[in-house]
Amino acid sequence: MAITTTPSAVPTLSEWGLIAMASILGIVGFMVIRRRKVTA
């Protein structure tokens, strides 16, 4: 008795999605570091 399963689709990011995500994370990180320096 063999059980066959269909492979599920794994969501992937395109190059533009990866660039957008990296830039958003960079901007957010910059804002957090800047805010910490001002309050400290």
Protein backbone atom coordinates (compact mmCIF):
# COMPACT_ATOMS: atom_id res chain seq x y z
CA MET A 1 0.00 0.00 0.00
CA ALA A 2 1.64 3.19 -1.19
CA ILE A 3 0.48 6.61 -0.05
CA THR A 4 1.07 9.31 -2.62
CA THR A 5 0.84 12.95 -1.70
CA THR A 6 0.88 15.88 -4.05
CA PRO A 7 3.66 18.38 -3.35
CA SER A 8 2.32 21.56 -1.83
CA ALA A 9 3.27 24.88 -3.34
CA VAL A 10 5.91 26.74 -1.35
CA PRO A 11 5.58 30.52 -1.61
CA THR A 12 8.73 32.20 -2.91
CA LEU A 13 9.69 35.83 -3.30
CA SER A 14 10.63 37.29 -6.61
CA GLU A 15 13.73 39.44 -6.91
CA TRP A 16 11.66 42.61 -6.62
CA GLY A 17 9.90 41.30 -3.53
CA LEU A 18 13.24 40.45 -1.94
CA ILE A 19 14.62 43.92 -2.75
CA ALA A 20 11.50 45.59 -1.31
CA MET A 21 11.59 43.51 1.87
CA ALA A 22 15.30 44.20 2.41
CA SER A 23 14.85 47.94 1.91
CA ILE A 24 11.86 48.09 4.28
CA LEU A 25 13.80 46.17 6.94
CA GLY A 26 16.77 48.50 6.46
CA ILE A 27 14.64 51.62 6.85
CA VAL A 28 12.91 50.26 9.95
CA GLY A 29 16.23 49.24 11.48
CA PHE A 30 17.70 52.67 10.77
CA MET A 31 14.71 54.36 12.42
CA VAL A 32 14.96 52.12 15.50
CA ILE A 33 18.69 52.76 15.92
CA ARG A 34 18.19 56.49 15.42
CA ARG A 35 15.35 56.59 17.96
CA ARG A 36 17.42 54.70 20.55
CA LYS A 37 20.33 57.14 20.17
CA VAL A 38 18.03 60.15 20.67
CA THR A 39 16.33 58.80 23.80
CA ALA A 40 19.51 57.38 25.35
